[in-house]
Amino acid sequence: MNLPFILIMVAVVAGAMLIGPPVLRWVRSVVSTAGIRNDKARKLADAALYSATYTTLFTVAFALLGMPYGLGNIIFVFLLMTVLDYFMPSRP
């Protein structure tokens, strides 16, 4: 990897993190997890929604820039973000 590639990658991730909260609010308004009675299952569903939203944003951003972002990377990022969001302390 060279420096311009790393800088573009950081800019893509930062852009996705800025665009992410409104998109995530919209996704949560369309897909509600309120009907899930089990707390662990609801937390896992929320984490999966969070991960799917940001992974999709990253994938679209990398695709628009023509940067390589294969299926293995997509699955890894989705699983990593799901696990991190599931085990993070509850947000207010």
N, C-alpha and C. Protein backbone atom coordinates (compact mmCIF):
# COMPACT_ATOMS: atom_id res chain seq x y z
N MET A 1 0.83 -1.19 0.00
CA MET A 1 0.00 0.00 0.00
C MET A 1 0.87 1.24 0.00
N ASN A 2 0.44 2.21 -0.77
CA ASN A 2 1.17 3.46 -0.78
C ASN A 2 0.39 4.53 -0.03
N LEU A 3 1.01 5.66 0.20
CA LEU A 3 0.42 6.71 1.02
C LEU A 3 -0.89 7.27 0.45
N PRO A 4 -1.00 7.54 -0.85
CA PRO A 4 -2.29 8.05 -1.36
C PRO A 4 -3.44 7.06 -1.14
N PHE A 5 -3.16 5.77 -1.32
CA PHE A 5 -4.19 4.75 -1.10
C PHE A 5 -4.65 4.76 0.35
N ILE A 6 -3.73 4.88 1.28
CA ILE A 6 -4.08 4.90 2.71
C ILE A 6 -4.88 6.16 3.04
N LEU A 7 -4.48 7.31 2.49
CA LEU A 7 -5.21 8.55 2.74
C LEU A 7 -6.63 8.50 2.18
N ILE A 8 -6.78 7.94 0.99
CA ILE A 8 -8.12 7.81 0.41
C ILE A 8 -8.96 6.86 1.25
N MET A 9 -8.37 5.78 1.73
CA MET A 9 -9.10 4.82 2.55
C MET A 9 -9.57 5.48 3.85
N VAL A 10 -8.72 6.26 4.47
CA VAL A 10 -9.10 6.96 5.71
C VAL A 10 -10.22 7.97 5.42
N ALA A 11 -10.13 8.66 4.29
CA ALA A 11 -11.18 9.62 3.93
C ALA A 11 -12.51 8.92 3.68
N VAL A 12 -12.47 7.76 3.05
CA VAL A 12 -13.70 7.00 2.78
C VAL A 12 -14.34 6.56 4.10
N VAL A 13 -13.54 6.04 5.01
CA VAL A 13 -14.07 5.59 6.29
C VAL A 13 -14.62 6.78 7.08
N ALA A 14 -13.91 7.90 7.09
CA ALA A 14 -14.40 9.09 7.80
C ALA A 14 -15.70 9.60 7.18
N GLY A 15 -15.79 9.60 5.87
CA GLY A 15 -17.01 10.03 5.20
C GLY A 15 -18.18 9.12 5.53
N ALA A 16 -17.93 7.82 5.54
CA ALA A 16 -19.00 6.87 5.88
C ALA A 16 -19.44 7.03 7.33
N MET A 17 -18.51 7.34 8.22
CA MET A 17 -18.88 7.54 9.61
C MET A 17 -19.68 8.84 9.80
N LEU A 18 -19.46 9.85 8.96
CA LEU A 18 -20.25 11.07 9.03
C LEU A 18 -21.66 10.89 8.46
N ILE A 19 -21.75 10.13 7.39
CA ILE A 19 -23.04 9.89 6.75
C ILE A 19 -23.83 8.82 7.49
N GLY A 20 -23.15 7.97 8.24
CA GLY A 20 -23.76 6.82 8.89
C GLY A 20 -24.92 7.07 9.84
N PRO A 21 -24.82 8.00 10.79
CA PRO A 21 -25.92 8.17 11.75
C PRO A 21 -27.28 8.48 11.14
N PRO A 22 -27.39 9.40 10.15
CA PRO A 22 -28.72 9.60 9.56
C PRO A 22 -29.23 8.37 8.81
N VAL A 23 -28.31 7.70 8.13
CA VAL A 23 -28.71 6.48 7.41
C VAL A 23 -29.15 5.41 8.40
N LEU A 24 -28.43 5.28 9.50
CA LEU A 24 -28.77 4.29 10.52
C LEU A 24 -30.13 4.61 11.15
N ARG A 25 -30.42 5.89 11.38
CA ARG A 25 -31.75 6.25 11.90
C ARG A 25 -32.84 5.85 10.93
N TRP A 26 -32.60 6.06 9.63
CA TRP A 26 -33.59 5.68 8.64
C TRP A 26 -33.77 4.16 8.61
N VAL A 27 -32.66 3.42 8.66
CA VAL A 27 -32.76 1.95 8.65
C VAL A 27 -33.52 1.47 9.87
N ARG A 28 -33.25 2.04 11.03
CA ARG A 28 -33.97 1.63 12.24
C ARG A 28 -35.45 2.01 12.19
N SER A 29 -35.79 3.05 11.44
CA SER A 29 -37.21 3.39 11.31
C SER A 29 -37.93 2.41 10.38
N VAL A 30 -37.19 1.86 9.43
CA VAL A 30 -37.78 0.89 8.50
C VAL A 30 -37.82 -0.49 9.11
N VAL A 31 -36.73 -0.89 9.77
CA VAL A 31 -36.61 -2.23 10.37
C VAL A 31 -36.59 -2.05 11.88
N SER A 32 -37.68 -2.37 12.52
CA SER A 32 -37.77 -2.20 13.97
C SER A 32 -37.43 -3.50 14.67
N THR A 33 -36.68 -3.39 15.75
CA THR A 33 -36.37 -4.56 16.57
C THR A 33 -37.14 -4.54 17.88
N ALA A 34 -38.10 -3.65 17.99
CA ALA A 34 -38.85 -3.50 19.24
C ALA A 34 -39.72 -4.73 19.54
N GLY A 35 -40.08 -5.48 18.52
CA GLY A 35 -40.94 -6.65 18.73
C GLY A 35 -40.20 -7.87 19.26
N ILE A 36 -38.90 -7.81 19.35
CA ILE A 36 -38.12 -8.94 19.84
C ILE A 36 -38.12 -8.90 21.36
N ARG A 37 -38.64 -9.95 21.97
CA ARG A 37 -38.80 -9.95 23.44
C ARG A 37 -37.51 -10.28 24.18
N ASN A 38 -36.72 -11.18 23.63
CA ASN A 38 -35.48 -11.59 24.29
C ASN A 38 -34.44 -10.47 24.18
N ASP A 39 -33.89 -10.04 25.32
CA ASP A 39 -32.95 -8.92 25.33
C ASP A 39 -31.69 -9.21 24.53
N LYS A 40 -31.14 -10.42 24.67
CA LYS A 40 -29.92 -10.76 23.94
C LYS A 40 -30.18 -10.80 22.44
N ALA A 41 -31.31 -11.33 22.04
CA ALA A 41 -31.64 -11.38 20.61
C ALA A 41 -31.87 -9.99 20.06
N ARG A 42 -32.51 -9.11 20.82
CA ARG A 42 -32.73 -7.74 20.37
C ARG A 42 -31.41 -7.00 20.25
N LYS A 43 -30.51 -7.21 21.21
CA LYS A 43 -29.21 -6.55 21.15
C LYS A 43 -28.40 -7.04 19.95
N LEU A 44 -28.48 -8.35 19.67
CA LEU A 44 -27.78 -8.90 18.51
C LEU A 44 -28.38 -8.36 17.22
N ALA A 45 -29.71 -8.24 17.16
CA ALA A 45 -30.36 -7.69 15.96
C ALA A 45 -29.97 -6.23 15.76
N ASP A 46 -29.91 -5.46 16.83
CA ASP A 46 -29.48 -4.06 16.72
C ASP A 46 -28.03 -3.98 16.24
N ALA A 47 -27.18 -4.85 16.77
CA ALA A 47 -25.77 -4.86 16.35
C ALA A 47 -25.65 -5.25 14.88
N ALA A 48 -26.46 -6.20 14.44
CA ALA A 48 -26.42 -6.60 13.04
C ALA A 48 -26.90 -5.48 12.12
N LEU A 49 -27.94 -4.75 12.54
CA LEU A 49 -28.41 -3.61 11.74
C LEU A 49 -27.33 -2.53 11.64
N TYR A 50 -26.69 -2.24 12.76
CA TYR A 50 -25.61 -1.26 12.79
C TYR A 50 -24.48 -1.69 11.85
N SER A 51 -24.08 -2.94 11.97
CA SER A 51 -22.98 -3.45 11.16
C SER A 51 -23.33 -3.48 9.68
N ALA A 52 -24.54 -3.93 9.36
CA ALA A 52 -24.94 -4.00 7.96
C ALA A 52 -24.99 -2.60 7.34
N THR A 53 -25.47 -1.63 8.09
CA THR A 53 -25.54 -0.27 7.56
C THR A 53 -24.16 0.28 7.25
N TYR A 54 -23.24 0.18 8.21
CA TYR A 54 -21.91 0.73 7.98
C TYR A 54 -21.11 -0.08 6.98
N THR A 55 -21.26 -1.39 6.97
CA THR A 55 -20.56 -2.21 5.99
C THR A 55 -21.04 -1.87 4.58
N THR A 56 -22.33 -1.65 4.42
CA THR A 56 -22.86 -1.26 3.12
C THR A 56 -22.34 0.11 2.70
N LEU A 57 -22.28 1.05 3.64
CA LEU A 57 -21.73 2.37 3.32
C LEU A 57 -20.27 2.26 2.88
N PHE A 58 -19.48 1.46 3.60
CA PHE A 58 -18.07 1.27 3.22
C PHE A 58 -17.97 0.65 1.83
N THR A 59 -18.79 -0.36 1.57
CA THR A 59 -18.74 -1.06 0.29
C THR A 59 -19.09 -0.12 -0.86
N VAL A 60 -20.13 0.68 -0.68
CA VAL A 60 -20.54 1.62 -1.73
C VAL A 60 -19.46 2.68 -1.94
N ALA A 61 -18.91 3.19 -0.86
CA ALA A 61 -17.88 4.22 -0.99
C ALA A 61 -16.64 3.69 -1.70
N PHE A 62 -16.21 2.49 -1.34
CA PHE A 62 -15.04 1.91 -2.00
C PHE A 62 -15.35 1.60 -3.45
N ALA A 63 -16.56 1.13 -3.75
CA ALA A 63 -16.93 0.83 -5.13
C ALA A 63 -16.98 2.10 -5.98
N LEU A 64 -17.50 3.19 -5.42
CA LEU A 64 -17.55 4.45 -6.17
C LEU A 64 -16.16 4.96 -6.52
N LEU A 65 -15.22 4.69 -5.64
CA LEU A 65 -13.84 5.14 -5.90
C LEU A 65 -13.03 4.11 -6.68
N GLY A 66 -13.63 2.95 -6.97
CA GLY A 66 -12.93 1.92 -7.73
C GLY A 66 -11.84 1.24 -6.94
N MET A 67 -11.97 1.24 -5.61
CA MET A 67 -10.94 0.62 -4.78
C MET A 67 -11.30 -0.84 -4.51
N PRO A 68 -10.32 -1.70 -4.39
CA PRO A 68 -10.60 -3.11 -4.14
C PRO A 68 -11.18 -3.33 -2.75
N TYR A 69 -12.28 -4.04 -2.69
CA TYR A 69 -12.94 -4.34 -1.41
C TYR A 69 -13.71 -5.63 -1.63
N GLY A 70 -13.03 -6.76 -1.49
CA GLY A 70 -13.62 -8.05 -1.84
C GLY A 70 -14.61 -8.58 -0.83
N LEU A 71 -15.25 -9.68 -1.19
CA LEU A 71 -16.27 -10.29 -0.34
C LEU A 71 -15.69 -10.73 1.00
N GLY A 72 -14.47 -11.21 1.02
CA GLY A 72 -13.84 -11.60 2.28
C GLY A 72 -13.70 -10.43 3.23
N ASN A 73 -13.32 -9.28 2.68
CA ASN A 73 -13.21 -8.07 3.51
C ASN A 73 -14.57 -7.63 4.03
N ILE A 74 -15.59 -7.73 3.18
CA ILE A 74 -16.93 -7.32 3.58
C ILE A 74 -17.43 -8.18 4.74
N ILE A 75 -17.26 -9.48 4.61
CA ILE A 75 -17.71 -10.40 5.66
C ILE A 75 -16.93 -10.15 6.95
N PHE A 76 -15.62 -9.95 6.84
CA PHE A 76 -14.79 -9.70 8.02
C PHE A 76 -15.22 -8.42 8.73
N VAL A 77 -15.43 -7.35 7.98
CA VAL A 77 -15.84 -6.07 8.58
C VAL A 77 -17.21 -6.20 9.24
N PHE A 78 -18.15 -6.88 8.56
CA PHE A 78 -19.48 -7.07 9.12
C PHE A 78 -19.41 -7.84 10.45
N LEU A 79 -18.68 -8.95 10.46
CA LEU A 79 -18.57 -9.74 11.69
C LEU A 79 -17.86 -8.97 12.80
N LEU A 80 -16.79 -8.29 12.46
CA LEU A 80 -16.05 -7.51 13.46
C LEU A 80 -16.92 -6.42 14.06
N MET A 81 -17.65 -5.68 13.22
CA MET A 81 -18.49 -4.61 13.74
C MET A 81 -19.66 -5.15 14.55
N THR A 82 -20.20 -6.30 14.14
CA THR A 82 -21.30 -6.90 14.90
C THR A 82 -20.82 -7.30 16.29
N VAL A 83 -19.69 -7.97 16.37
CA VAL A 83 -19.16 -8.40 17.66
C VAL A 83 -18.83 -7.20 18.54
N LEU A 84 -18.19 -6.19 17.97
CA LEU A 84 -17.84 -5.01 18.76
C LEU A 84 -19.08 -4.29 19.26
N ASP A 85 -20.09 -4.14 18.42
CA ASP A 85 -21.31 -3.44 18.84
C ASP A 85 -22.08 -4.26 19.86
N TYR A 86 -22.07 -5.59 19.72
CA TYR A 86 -22.81 -6.44 20.66
C TYR A 86 -22.20 -6.37 22.06
N PHE A 87 -20.87 -6.36 22.13
CA PHE A 87 -20.21 -6.39 23.44
C PHE A 87 -19.91 -5.01 24.02
N MET A 88 -20.24 -3.95 23.29
CA MET A 88 -20.06 -2.60 23.84
C MET A 88 -21.11 -2.36 24.91
N PRO A 89 -20.79 -1.53 25.90
CA PRO A 89 -21.80 -1.19 26.89
C PRO A 89 -23.00 -0.50 26.24
N SER A 90 -24.12 -0.58 26.86
CA SER A 90 -25.35 0.01 26.31
C SER A 90 -25.18 1.51 26.13
N ARG A 91 -25.70 1.99 25.02
CA ARG A 91 -25.68 3.43 24.77
C ARG A 91 -26.93 4.05 25.40
N PRO A 92 -26.83 5.31 25.83
CA PRO A 92 -28.01 5.94 26.47
C PRO A 92 -29.13 6.17 25.49
